[in-house]
Amino acid sequence: MEGGMHAWQGLTAAGAPEAGMSFFTVGSLPEELIALAWTLEDGSRKFYASLAVTLADNEAAKLFTELTTAEEHHKATLLGLYRDVAAAEPGTDFPRGIITADEDRMEGGVKVSEALEWAKGRDAFALLELSMALETDSYDLYIKMGRRVEGEKAKTVFARLVEEEKGHLGRMAALLDRDL
């Protein structure tokens, strides 16, 4: 604070990308919610896959590899749900044509490219903290989507995703506790 603006040398505060964006409106159709969830899962898969190959911490790298696989399973589950709800096969450009969401987004509404840039040189602890914020937002989003979507099968799928996101959080928390 000493010297005020005259002493400022251009330093800025920097932190992790901020999660917590809501992506759907009150009028979102079930097909749109499913397509959005698929997009966010795909973005998270890309993020976790990148972390898994760059981390020196073997336990964290293994967890991120497992999360990459989990996100693939979520995408497959959501595609199956889309087929049931829409009573049609998704187009080859799925989820385009249904929503116009930014393909560079992941759970938490964070841009994958920005999160990967921020992640460079960070340790496993910092990456796990960010990932927990993203998974927490996803957990919350899927609760909201489950309330909004119609049909028992759709509600069941979103409830299952909620439980799986909760499981991801538990695994990350356990790994963080190892470092405390």
N, C-alpha and C. Protein backbone atom coordinates (compact mmCIF):
# COMPACT_ATOMS: atom_id res chain seq x y z
N MET A 1 0.83 -1.19 0.00
CA MET A 1 0.00 0.00 0.00
C MET A 1 0.87 1.26 0.00
N GLU A 2 2.10 1.08 0.46
CA GLU A 2 2.99 2.22 0.54
C GLU A 2 3.27 2.77 -0.85
N GLY A 3 3.04 4.04 -1.04
CA GLY A 3 3.31 4.68 -2.33
C GLY A 3 2.10 4.73 -3.24
N GLY A 4 1.05 3.97 -2.92
CA GLY A 4 -0.18 4.00 -3.69
C GLY A 4 0.03 3.70 -5.17
N MET A 5 -0.72 4.37 -6.02
CA MET A 5 -0.68 4.16 -7.46
C MET A 5 0.70 4.46 -8.03
N HIS A 6 1.41 5.38 -7.41
CA HIS A 6 2.72 5.75 -7.94
C HIS A 6 3.74 4.63 -7.76
N ALA A 7 3.52 3.76 -6.78
CA ALA A 7 4.46 2.67 -6.52
C ALA A 7 4.04 1.36 -7.21
N TRP A 8 2.83 1.35 -7.78
CA TRP A 8 2.31 0.13 -8.40
C TRP A 8 3.18 -0.27 -9.57
N GLN A 9 3.54 -1.54 -9.64
CA GLN A 9 4.41 -2.01 -10.71
C GLN A 9 3.71 -3.01 -11.61
N GLY A 10 2.41 -2.93 -11.71
CA GLY A 10 1.66 -3.77 -12.63
C GLY A 10 1.32 -5.15 -12.11
N LEU A 11 1.59 -5.44 -10.86
CA LEU A 11 1.26 -6.75 -10.33
C LEU A 11 -0.25 -6.88 -10.18
N THR A 12 -0.76 -8.06 -10.46
CA THR A 12 -2.18 -8.30 -10.31
C THR A 12 -2.40 -9.58 -9.53
N ALA A 13 -3.51 -9.64 -8.85
CA ALA A 13 -3.87 -10.86 -8.12
C ALA A 13 -4.32 -11.91 -9.13
N ALA A 14 -3.98 -13.15 -8.87
CA ALA A 14 -4.39 -14.23 -9.77
C ALA A 14 -4.84 -15.41 -8.93
N GLY A 15 -5.86 -16.07 -9.40
CA GLY A 15 -6.36 -17.25 -8.70
C GLY A 15 -6.87 -18.25 -9.70
N ALA A 16 -7.42 -19.32 -9.17
CA ALA A 16 -7.97 -20.38 -10.01
C ALA A 16 -9.17 -19.86 -10.79
N PRO A 17 -9.45 -20.45 -11.94
CA PRO A 17 -10.66 -20.07 -12.66
C PRO A 17 -11.87 -20.26 -11.74
N GLU A 18 -12.82 -19.38 -11.85
CA GLU A 18 -13.96 -19.41 -10.94
C GLU A 18 -15.09 -20.25 -11.51
N ALA A 19 -15.52 -21.22 -10.75
CA ALA A 19 -16.64 -22.07 -11.14
C ALA A 19 -17.93 -21.46 -10.64
N GLY A 20 -19.03 -21.92 -11.19
CA GLY A 20 -20.31 -21.54 -10.63
C GLY A 20 -21.28 -20.91 -11.60
N MET A 21 -21.05 -21.05 -12.86
CA MET A 21 -21.97 -20.45 -13.83
C MET A 21 -23.19 -21.34 -14.00
N SER A 22 -24.36 -20.73 -14.10
CA SER A 22 -25.56 -21.47 -14.46
C SER A 22 -25.74 -21.34 -15.96
N PHE A 23 -26.09 -22.45 -16.58
CA PHE A 23 -26.15 -22.49 -18.03
C PHE A 23 -27.52 -22.71 -18.60
N PHE A 24 -28.54 -22.82 -17.78
CA PHE A 24 -29.82 -23.11 -18.38
C PHE A 24 -30.88 -22.15 -17.90
N THR A 25 -31.88 -21.99 -18.72
CA THR A 25 -32.97 -21.08 -18.42
C THR A 25 -34.18 -21.89 -17.96
N VAL A 26 -35.16 -21.19 -17.47
CA VAL A 26 -36.38 -21.84 -16.97
C VAL A 26 -37.04 -22.67 -18.06
N GLY A 27 -36.97 -22.21 -19.30
CA GLY A 27 -37.66 -22.89 -20.39
C GLY A 27 -36.86 -23.97 -21.08
N SER A 28 -35.70 -24.37 -20.57
CA SER A 28 -34.87 -25.37 -21.24
C SER A 28 -35.62 -26.69 -21.39
N LEU A 29 -35.56 -27.24 -22.60
CA LEU A 29 -36.16 -28.53 -22.89
C LEU A 29 -35.27 -29.65 -22.33
N PRO A 30 -35.85 -30.81 -22.04
CA PRO A 30 -35.03 -31.93 -21.55
C PRO A 30 -33.86 -32.25 -22.49
N GLU A 31 -34.10 -32.21 -23.80
CA GLU A 31 -33.04 -32.49 -24.76
C GLU A 31 -31.90 -31.49 -24.63
N GLU A 32 -32.25 -30.23 -24.34
CA GLU A 32 -31.23 -29.19 -24.18
C GLU A 32 -30.43 -29.40 -22.90
N LEU A 33 -31.10 -29.78 -21.83
CA LEU A 33 -30.40 -30.04 -20.56
C LEU A 33 -29.43 -31.21 -20.72
N ILE A 34 -29.87 -32.24 -21.42
CA ILE A 34 -29.03 -33.40 -21.65
C ILE A 34 -27.82 -33.03 -22.50
N ALA A 35 -28.06 -32.27 -23.57
CA ALA A 35 -26.97 -31.85 -24.46
C ALA A 35 -25.98 -30.96 -23.71
N LEU A 36 -26.48 -30.09 -22.86
CA LEU A 36 -25.60 -29.23 -22.07
C LEU A 36 -24.77 -30.07 -21.10
N ALA A 37 -25.40 -30.99 -20.40
CA ALA A 37 -24.67 -31.85 -19.47
C ALA A 37 -23.60 -32.64 -20.22
N TRP A 38 -23.91 -33.13 -21.41
CA TRP A 38 -22.95 -33.89 -22.22
C TRP A 38 -21.75 -33.00 -22.56
N THR A 39 -22.01 -31.75 -22.95
CA THR A 39 -20.95 -30.81 -23.30
C THR A 39 -20.03 -30.56 -22.11
N LEU A 40 -20.60 -30.34 -20.94
CA LEU A 40 -19.81 -30.08 -19.74
C LEU A 40 -19.00 -31.30 -19.33
N GLU A 41 -19.59 -32.48 -19.46
CA GLU A 41 -18.86 -33.71 -19.15
C GLU A 41 -17.69 -33.90 -20.12
N ASP A 42 -17.90 -33.58 -21.40
CA ASP A 42 -16.83 -33.71 -22.38
C ASP A 42 -15.69 -32.74 -22.06
N GLY A 43 -16.02 -31.53 -21.67
CA GLY A 43 -15.00 -30.57 -21.30
C GLY A 43 -14.20 -31.02 -20.09
N SER A 44 -14.90 -31.57 -19.09
CA SER A 44 -14.21 -32.08 -17.91
C SER A 44 -13.32 -33.25 -18.26
N ARG A 45 -13.79 -34.11 -19.16
CA ARG A 45 -12.97 -35.23 -19.62
C ARG A 45 -11.66 -34.73 -20.23
N LYS A 46 -11.74 -33.70 -21.06
CA LYS A 46 -10.54 -33.13 -21.68
C LYS A 46 -9.59 -32.57 -20.61
N PHE A 47 -10.16 -31.87 -19.64
CA PHE A 47 -9.36 -31.27 -18.58
C PHE A 47 -8.65 -32.35 -17.76
N TYR A 48 -9.40 -33.34 -17.29
CA TYR A 48 -8.82 -34.39 -16.46
C TYR A 48 -7.79 -35.21 -17.23
N ALA A 49 -8.07 -35.48 -18.50
CA ALA A 49 -7.11 -36.25 -19.31
C ALA A 49 -5.78 -35.50 -19.43
N SER A 50 -5.85 -34.20 -19.59
CA SER A 50 -4.62 -33.41 -19.68
C SER A 50 -3.86 -33.42 -18.36
N LEU A 51 -4.57 -33.28 -17.26
CA LEU A 51 -3.92 -33.31 -15.94
C LEU A 51 -3.26 -34.67 -15.69
N ALA A 52 -3.94 -35.73 -16.08
CA ALA A 52 -3.44 -37.08 -15.81
C ALA A 52 -2.07 -37.33 -16.42
N VAL A 53 -1.80 -36.73 -17.57
CA VAL A 53 -0.52 -36.99 -18.24
C VAL A 53 0.56 -35.99 -17.86
N THR A 54 0.21 -34.94 -17.16
CA THR A 54 1.21 -33.93 -16.82
C THR A 54 1.64 -33.94 -15.36
N LEU A 55 0.87 -34.60 -14.50
CA LEU A 55 1.18 -34.59 -13.06
C LEU A 55 2.28 -35.58 -12.70
N ALA A 56 3.18 -35.12 -11.83
CA ALA A 56 4.23 -36.00 -11.32
C ALA A 56 3.71 -36.85 -10.16
N ASP A 57 2.70 -36.38 -9.46
CA ASP A 57 2.11 -37.10 -8.33
C ASP A 57 1.32 -38.30 -8.88
N ASN A 58 1.84 -39.51 -8.68
CA ASN A 58 1.24 -40.70 -9.27
C ASN A 58 -0.18 -40.97 -8.79
N GLU A 59 -0.45 -40.74 -7.51
CA GLU A 59 -1.81 -40.96 -6.99
C GLU A 59 -2.80 -39.99 -7.62
N ALA A 60 -2.42 -38.73 -7.71
CA ALA A 60 -3.31 -37.73 -8.32
C ALA A 60 -3.48 -38.03 -9.81
N ALA A 61 -2.40 -38.39 -10.50
CA ALA A 61 -2.49 -38.72 -11.92
C ALA A 61 -3.44 -39.90 -12.14
N LYS A 62 -3.34 -40.90 -11.26
CA LYS A 62 -4.23 -42.07 -11.35
C LYS A 62 -5.69 -41.65 -11.15
N LEU A 63 -5.93 -40.80 -10.16
CA LEU A 63 -7.29 -40.33 -9.92
C LEU A 63 -7.82 -39.57 -11.14
N PHE A 64 -7.01 -38.69 -11.71
CA PHE A 64 -7.48 -37.93 -12.88
C PHE A 64 -7.71 -38.84 -14.09
N THR A 65 -6.94 -39.91 -14.21
CA THR A 65 -7.19 -40.89 -15.27
C THR A 65 -8.53 -41.57 -15.05
N GLU A 66 -8.81 -41.94 -13.81
CA GLU A 66 -10.08 -42.58 -13.48
C GLU A 66 -11.25 -41.61 -13.68
N LEU A 67 -11.04 -40.35 -13.37
CA LEU A 67 -12.10 -39.35 -13.59
C LEU A 67 -12.35 -39.15 -15.09
N THR A 68 -11.30 -39.23 -15.89
CA THR A 68 -11.45 -39.14 -17.34
C THR A 68 -12.40 -40.24 -17.82
N THR A 69 -12.17 -41.45 -17.35
CA THR A 69 -13.02 -42.58 -17.71
C THR A 69 -14.44 -42.38 -17.20
N ALA A 70 -14.58 -41.86 -15.99
CA ALA A 70 -15.91 -41.61 -15.43
C ALA A 70 -16.68 -40.61 -16.28
N GLU A 71 -16.00 -39.58 -16.75
CA GLU A 71 -16.68 -38.57 -17.58
C GLU A 71 -17.13 -39.20 -18.91
N GLU A 72 -16.34 -40.13 -19.45
CA GLU A 72 -16.75 -40.86 -20.67
C GLU A 72 -18.02 -41.66 -20.40
N HIS A 73 -18.08 -42.30 -19.25
CA HIS A 73 -19.29 -43.06 -18.88
C HIS A 73 -20.49 -42.12 -18.74
N HIS A 74 -20.27 -40.97 -18.15
CA HIS A 74 -21.37 -40.00 -18.01
C HIS A 74 -21.88 -39.58 -19.39
N LYS A 75 -20.96 -39.32 -20.31
CA LYS A 75 -21.36 -38.93 -21.67
C LYS A 75 -22.20 -40.03 -22.32
N ALA A 76 -21.77 -41.28 -22.18
CA ALA A 76 -22.51 -42.40 -22.76
C ALA A 76 -23.90 -42.52 -22.14
N THR A 77 -23.98 -42.34 -20.83
CA THR A 77 -25.27 -42.39 -20.14
C THR A 77 -26.19 -41.28 -20.65
N LEU A 78 -25.63 -40.10 -20.81
CA LEU A 78 -26.43 -38.96 -21.30
C LEU A 78 -26.87 -39.17 -22.75
N LEU A 79 -26.03 -39.77 -23.58
CA LEU A 79 -26.43 -40.07 -24.95
C LEU A 79 -27.60 -41.05 -24.96
N GLY A 80 -27.54 -42.07 -24.11
CA GLY A 80 -28.65 -43.02 -24.00
C GLY A 80 -29.93 -42.34 -23.55
N LEU A 81 -29.80 -41.45 -22.59
CA LEU A 81 -30.97 -40.70 -22.12
C LEU A 81 -31.52 -39.82 -23.23
N TYR A 82 -30.63 -39.18 -23.99
CA TYR A 82 -31.09 -38.34 -25.11
C TYR A 82 -31.91 -39.18 -26.09
N ARG A 83 -31.42 -40.37 -26.42
CA ARG A 83 -32.15 -41.24 -27.35
C ARG A 83 -33.55 -41.56 -26.83
N ASP A 84 -33.65 -41.82 -25.53
CA ASP A 84 -34.95 -42.12 -24.94
C ASP A 84 -35.88 -40.91 -24.95
N VAL A 85 -35.35 -39.77 -24.53
CA VAL A 85 -36.18 -38.57 -24.42
C VAL A 85 -36.59 -38.04 -25.79
N ALA A 86 -35.65 -38.00 -26.71
CA ALA A 86 -35.94 -37.45 -28.04
C ALA A 86 -36.58 -38.48 -28.96
N ALA A 87 -36.53 -39.75 -28.56
CA ALA A 87 -37.03 -40.84 -29.40
C ALA A 87 -36.37 -40.80 -30.79
N ALA A 88 -35.10 -40.45 -30.78
CA ALA A 88 -34.34 -40.36 -32.04
C ALA A 88 -32.86 -40.46 -31.74
N GLU A 89 -32.10 -40.78 -32.76
CA GLU A 89 -30.65 -40.79 -32.64
C GLU A 89 -30.14 -39.35 -32.68
N PRO A 90 -29.12 -39.06 -31.88
CA PRO A 90 -28.54 -37.71 -31.97
C PRO A 90 -27.85 -37.55 -33.33
N GLY A 91 -27.81 -36.32 -33.81
CA GLY A 91 -27.13 -36.04 -35.06
C GLY A 91 -25.64 -36.25 -34.93
N THR A 92 -24.97 -36.33 -36.05
CA THR A 92 -23.52 -36.54 -36.05
C THR A 92 -22.78 -35.37 -35.42
N ASP A 93 -23.43 -34.21 -35.36
CA ASP A 93 -22.80 -33.03 -34.76
C ASP A 93 -23.24 -32.79 -33.32
N PHE A 94 -23.88 -33.82 -32.70
CA PHE A 94 -24.34 -33.68 -31.32
C PHE A 94 -23.20 -33.17 -30.44
N PRO A 95 -23.46 -32.21 -29.59
CA PRO A 95 -24.72 -31.61 -29.19
C PRO A 95 -25.13 -30.36 -29.99
N ARG A 96 -24.27 -30.01 -30.97
CA ARG A 96 -24.66 -28.88 -31.84
C ARG A 96 -25.99 -29.21 -32.50
N GLY A 97 -26.72 -28.20 -32.82
CA GLY A 97 -28.04 -28.39 -33.38
C GLY A 97 -29.10 -28.43 -32.30
N ILE A 98 -28.68 -28.73 -31.08
CA ILE A 98 -29.61 -28.76 -29.95
C ILE A 98 -29.35 -27.55 -29.06
N ILE A 99 -28.08 -27.30 -28.80
CA ILE A 99 -27.67 -26.13 -28.01
C ILE A 99 -26.50 -25.46 -28.71
N THR A 100 -26.24 -24.24 -28.31
CA THR A 100 -25.12 -23.50 -28.88
C THR A 100 -24.07 -23.21 -27.82
N ALA A 101 -23.97 -24.08 -26.82
CA ALA A 101 -23.01 -23.89 -25.74
C ALA A 101 -21.59 -23.95 -26.27
N ASP A 102 -20.73 -23.20 -25.65
CA ASP A 102 -19.32 -23.17 -25.98
C ASP A 102 -18.70 -24.54 -25.72
N GLU A 103 -18.11 -25.15 -26.73
CA GLU A 103 -17.52 -26.48 -26.58
C GLU A 103 -16.27 -26.47 -25.71
N ASP A 104 -15.76 -25.29 -25.38
CA ASP A 104 -14.57 -25.17 -24.55
C ASP A 104 -14.94 -25.05 -23.08
N ARG A 105 -16.15 -25.44 -22.72
CA ARG A 105 -16.61 -25.34 -21.33
C ARG A 105 -16.64 -26.71 -20.68
N MET A 106 -16.42 -26.69 -19.37
CA MET A 106 -16.51 -27.91 -18.60
C MET A 106 -17.38 -27.66 -17.38
N GLU A 107 -17.49 -28.68 -16.54
CA GLU A 107 -18.26 -28.53 -15.32
C GLU A 107 -17.79 -27.28 -14.59
N GLY A 108 -18.74 -26.58 -14.00
CA GLY A 108 -18.41 -25.33 -13.33
C GLY A 108 -18.52 -24.14 -14.26
N GLY A 109 -18.74 -24.39 -15.57
CA GLY A 109 -18.84 -23.31 -16.54
C GLY A 109 -17.51 -22.71 -16.92
N VAL A 110 -16.43 -23.30 -16.47
CA VAL A 110 -15.09 -22.79 -16.71
C VAL A 110 -14.64 -23.20 -18.11
N LYS A 111 -13.90 -22.32 -18.76
CA LYS A 111 -13.33 -22.66 -20.06
C LYS A 111 -12.18 -23.65 -19.85
N VAL A 112 -12.20 -24.73 -20.59
CA VAL A 112 -11.16 -25.75 -20.49
C VAL A 112 -9.80 -25.13 -20.77
N SER A 113 -9.72 -24.32 -21.82
CA SER A 113 -8.44 -23.71 -22.20
C SER A 113 -7.89 -22.81 -21.09
N GLU A 114 -8.75 -22.05 -20.43
CA GLU A 114 -8.30 -21.18 -19.35
C GLU A 114 -7.86 -22.00 -18.14
N ALA A 115 -8.59 -23.06 -17.83
CA ALA A 115 -8.23 -23.90 -16.69
C ALA A 115 -6.90 -24.61 -16.95
N LEU A 116 -6.69 -25.07 -18.16
CA LEU A 116 -5.42 -25.74 -18.49
C LEU A 116 -4.25 -24.75 -18.44
N GLU A 117 -4.49 -23.54 -18.87
CA GLU A 117 -3.44 -22.52 -18.79
C GLU A 117 -3.10 -22.23 -17.33
N TRP A 118 -4.11 -22.08 -16.51
CA TRP A 118 -3.91 -21.82 -15.09
C TRP A 118 -3.19 -23.00 -14.43
N ALA A 119 -3.50 -24.22 -14.86
CA ALA A 119 -2.97 -25.43 -14.24
C ALA A 119 -1.48 -25.64 -14.46
N LYS A 120 -0.93 -25.01 -15.48
CA LYS A 120 0.49 -25.21 -15.79
C LYS A 120 1.36 -24.89 -14.57
N GLY A 121 2.17 -25.87 -14.18
CA GLY A 121 3.10 -25.68 -13.07
C GLY A 121 2.49 -25.79 -11.69
N ARG A 122 1.18 -26.03 -11.60
CA ARG A 122 0.52 -26.15 -10.29
C ARG A 122 0.74 -27.55 -9.73
N ASP A 123 0.74 -27.64 -8.42
CA ASP A 123 0.88 -28.96 -7.80
C ASP A 123 -0.47 -29.65 -7.70
N ALA A 124 -0.42 -30.92 -7.32
CA ALA A 124 -1.63 -31.73 -7.23
C ALA A 124 -2.65 -31.13 -6.28
N PHE A 125 -2.19 -30.56 -5.17
CA PHE A 125 -3.09 -29.98 -4.18
C PHE A 125 -3.95 -28.87 -4.82
N ALA A 126 -3.32 -27.95 -5.53
CA ALA A 126 -4.05 -26.85 -6.18
C ALA A 126 -5.02 -27.37 -7.24
N LEU A 127 -4.58 -28.37 -7.99
CA LEU A 127 -5.43 -28.93 -9.04
C LEU A 127 -6.63 -29.67 -8.46
N LEU A 128 -6.41 -30.34 -7.36
CA LEU A 128 -7.52 -31.02 -6.69
C LEU A 128 -8.51 -30.02 -6.11
N GLU A 129 -8.01 -28.93 -5.55
CA GLU A 129 -8.92 -27.91 -5.02
C GLU A 129 -9.80 -27.33 -6.13
N LEU A 130 -9.20 -27.01 -7.28
CA LEU A 130 -9.99 -26.50 -8.40
C LEU A 130 -10.99 -27.56 -8.86
N SER A 131 -10.53 -28.78 -9.00
CA SER A 131 -11.40 -29.85 -9.48
C SER A 131 -12.57 -30.07 -8.54
N MET A 132 -12.33 -29.93 -7.24
CA MET A 132 -13.43 -30.08 -6.28
C MET A 132 -14.46 -28.96 -6.45
N ALA A 133 -14.01 -27.75 -6.73
CA ALA A 133 -14.95 -26.65 -6.98
C ALA A 133 -15.79 -26.95 -8.22
N LEU A 134 -15.16 -27.49 -9.26
CA LEU A 134 -15.87 -27.81 -10.49
C LEU A 134 -16.88 -28.93 -10.26
N GLU A 135 -16.46 -29.97 -9.55
CA GLU A 135 -17.34 -31.10 -9.28
C GLU A 135 -18.51 -30.69 -8.37
N THR A 136 -18.24 -29.79 -7.43
CA THR A 136 -19.31 -29.30 -6.55
C THR A 136 -20.36 -28.56 -7.37
N ASP A 137 -19.91 -27.75 -8.31
CA ASP A 137 -20.85 -27.03 -9.16
C ASP A 137 -21.64 -28.01 -10.02
N SER A 138 -20.98 -29.02 -10.54
CA SER A 138 -21.66 -30.03 -11.34
C SER A 138 -22.70 -30.77 -10.51
N TYR A 139 -22.34 -31.12 -9.31
CA TYR A 139 -23.26 -31.78 -8.38
C TYR A 139 -24.53 -30.93 -8.22
N ASP A 140 -24.34 -29.65 -7.97
CA ASP A 140 -25.46 -28.73 -7.80
C ASP A 140 -26.28 -28.59 -9.08
N LEU A 141 -25.60 -28.47 -10.21
CA LEU A 141 -26.28 -28.32 -11.50
C LEU A 141 -27.14 -29.55 -11.80
N TYR A 142 -26.61 -30.74 -11.54
CA TYR A 142 -27.38 -31.95 -11.83
C TYR A 142 -28.57 -32.10 -10.90
N ILE A 143 -28.46 -31.62 -9.68
CA ILE A 143 -29.63 -31.61 -8.80
C ILE A 143 -30.71 -30.73 -9.42
N LYS A 144 -30.32 -29.55 -9.88
CA LYS A 144 -31.29 -28.63 -10.50
C LYS A 144 -31.88 -29.22 -11.77
N MET A 145 -31.03 -29.83 -12.61
CA MET A 145 -31.52 -30.43 -13.85
C MET A 145 -32.49 -31.57 -13.54
N GLY A 146 -32.16 -32.38 -12.53
CA GLY A 146 -33.03 -33.48 -12.15
C GLY A 146 -34.41 -33.02 -11.70
N ARG A 147 -34.45 -31.88 -11.09
CA ARG A 147 -35.74 -31.31 -10.66
C ARG A 147 -36.52 -30.76 -11.86
N ARG A 148 -35.80 -30.28 -12.85
CA ARG A 148 -36.41 -29.61 -13.98
C ARG A 148 -36.88 -30.58 -15.07
N VAL A 149 -36.14 -31.68 -15.26
CA VAL A 149 -36.43 -32.59 -16.36
C VAL A 149 -37.66 -33.44 -16.04
N GLU A 150 -38.39 -33.80 -17.08
CA GLU A 150 -39.59 -34.61 -16.92
C GLU A 150 -39.28 -36.06 -17.22
N GLY A 151 -40.03 -36.95 -16.61
CA GLY A 151 -39.89 -38.38 -16.86
C GLY A 151 -39.03 -39.04 -15.81
N GLU A 152 -39.49 -40.21 -15.37
CA GLU A 152 -38.79 -40.92 -14.31
C GLU A 152 -37.39 -41.36 -14.72
N LYS A 153 -37.23 -41.82 -15.95
CA LYS A 153 -35.90 -42.28 -16.38
C LYS A 153 -34.92 -41.11 -16.35
N ALA A 154 -35.33 -39.94 -16.85
CA ALA A 154 -34.46 -38.78 -16.86
C ALA A 154 -34.11 -38.37 -15.42
N LYS A 155 -35.10 -38.37 -14.56
CA LYS A 155 -34.84 -38.02 -13.16
C LYS A 155 -33.86 -39.01 -12.52
N THR A 156 -34.02 -40.29 -12.85
CA THR A 156 -33.13 -41.32 -12.33
C THR A 156 -31.70 -41.12 -12.82
N VAL A 157 -31.55 -40.79 -14.11
CA VAL A 157 -30.21 -40.56 -14.67
C VAL A 157 -29.53 -39.39 -13.97
N PHE A 158 -30.24 -38.28 -13.81
CA PHE A 158 -29.63 -37.13 -13.16
C PHE A 158 -29.34 -37.41 -11.68
N ALA A 159 -30.20 -38.19 -11.03
CA ALA A 159 -29.93 -38.57 -9.63
C ALA A 159 -28.66 -39.43 -9.56
N ARG A 160 -28.49 -40.31 -10.52
CA ARG A 160 -27.28 -41.14 -10.56
C ARG A 160 -26.04 -40.28 -10.79
N LEU A 161 -26.14 -39.30 -11.70
CA LEU A 161 -25.01 -38.40 -11.93
C LEU A 161 -24.67 -37.61 -10.67
N VAL A 162 -25.69 -37.19 -9.94
CA VAL A 162 -25.47 -36.49 -8.67
C VAL A 162 -24.66 -37.37 -7.72
N GLU A 163 -25.06 -38.62 -7.59
CA GLU A 163 -24.35 -39.53 -6.69
C GLU A 163 -22.92 -39.79 -7.15
N GLU A 164 -22.72 -39.90 -8.45
CA GLU A 164 -21.37 -40.12 -8.97
C GLU A 164 -20.48 -38.89 -8.75
N GLU A 165 -21.05 -37.69 -8.94
CA GLU A 165 -20.28 -36.48 -8.69
C GLU A 165 -19.90 -36.41 -7.20
N LYS A 166 -20.82 -36.81 -6.35
CA LYS A 166 -20.56 -36.85 -4.91
C LYS A 166 -19.41 -37.82 -4.62
N GLY A 167 -19.39 -38.95 -5.31
CA GLY A 167 -18.31 -39.91 -5.16
C GLY A 167 -16.97 -39.34 -5.62
N HIS A 168 -16.99 -38.58 -6.72
CA HIS A 168 -15.76 -37.93 -7.19
C HIS A 168 -15.23 -36.98 -6.12
N LEU A 169 -16.14 -36.22 -5.52
CA LEU A 169 -15.74 -35.29 -4.47
C LEU A 169 -15.10 -36.01 -3.29
N GLY A 170 -15.68 -37.13 -2.91
CA GLY A 170 -15.13 -37.90 -1.79
C GLY A 170 -13.72 -38.40 -2.08
N ARG A 171 -13.51 -38.87 -3.29
CA ARG A 171 -12.18 -39.37 -3.66
C ARG A 171 -11.16 -38.24 -3.70
N MET A 172 -11.57 -37.08 -4.20
CA MET A 172 -10.65 -35.94 -4.23
C MET A 172 -10.33 -35.47 -2.82
N ALA A 173 -11.35 -35.43 -1.98
CA ALA A 173 -11.14 -34.99 -0.60
C ALA A 173 -10.18 -35.92 0.12
N ALA A 174 -10.31 -37.21 -0.11
CA ALA A 174 -9.41 -38.17 0.53
C ALA A 174 -7.97 -37.93 0.09
N LEU A 175 -7.78 -37.64 -1.18
CA LEU A 175 -6.43 -37.38 -1.68
C LEU A 175 -5.89 -36.05 -1.13
N LEU A 176 -6.75 -35.06 -1.01
CA LEU A 176 -6.33 -33.79 -0.41
C LEU A 176 -5.93 -33.99 1.05
N ASP A 177 -6.70 -34.79 1.78
CA ASP A 177 -6.40 -35.05 3.19
C ASP A 177 -5.04 -35.71 3.36
N ARG A 178 -4.62 -36.47 2.38
CA ARG A 178 -3.31 -37.12 2.42
C ARG A 178 -2.20 -36.08 2.53
N ASP A 179 -2.42 -34.92 1.87
CA ASP A 179 -1.40 -33.89 1.82
C ASP A 179 -1.43 -32.91 2.99
N LEU A 180 -2.44 -32.99 3.83
CA LEU A 180 -2.54 -32.02 4.93
C LEU A 180 -1.66 -32.39 6.09
